[in-house]
Amino acid sequence: MFNFGKPKTAGDWIGHVVLALVALFLVWWMLRLFIV
């Protein structure tokens, strides 16, 4: 599992960014499906 408190390596930072982008995209997609 990822430690969101203190990413230590570049790989950890990349993983955090990717997960954040995926989460935001999923939330946006869900909202779009429900609203439109």
Protein backbone atom coordinates (compact mmCIF):
# COMPACT_ATOMS: atom_id res chain seq x y z
CA MET A 1 0.00 0.00 0.00
CA PHE A 2 1.11 3.57 -0.58
CA ASN A 3 2.14 5.79 2.31
CA PHE A 4 0.46 9.08 1.45
CA GLY A 5 2.19 10.90 4.30
CA LYS A 6 5.85 10.74 3.23
CA PRO A 7 6.70 9.52 -0.28
CA LYS A 8 10.44 8.81 -0.21
CA THR A 9 11.51 7.99 -3.76
CA ALA A 10 10.74 9.33 -7.23
CA GLY A 11 8.77 6.14 -7.89
CA ASP A 12 6.64 6.81 -4.81
CA TRP A 13 5.94 10.36 -6.00
CA ILE A 14 5.00 9.11 -9.49
CA GLY A 15 2.71 6.51 -7.97
CA HIS A 16 1.02 9.13 -5.81
CA VAL A 17 0.48 11.46 -8.78
CA VAL A 18 -0.89 8.66 -10.96
CA LEU A 19 -3.29 7.48 -8.25
CA ALA A 20 -4.45 11.06 -7.64
CA LEU A 21 -5.08 11.64 -11.35
CA VAL A 22 -6.95 8.35 -11.71
CA ALA A 23 -9.08 9.11 -8.63
CA LEU A 24 -9.92 12.60 -9.91
CA PHE A 25 -10.78 11.23 -13.35
CA LEU A 26 -13.07 8.57 -11.86
CA VAL A 27 -14.85 11.14 -9.68
CA TRP A 28 -15.29 13.50 -12.67
CA TRP A 29 -16.57 10.64 -14.83
CA MET A 30 -19.08 9.53 -12.18
CA LEU A 31 -20.35 13.09 -11.71
CA ARG A 32 -20.67 13.55 -15.47
CA LEU A 33 -22.65 10.34 -15.82
CA PHE A 34 -25.02 11.26 -12.99
CA ILE A 35 -25.47 14.93 -13.87
CA VAL A 36 -25.75 14.73 -17.65
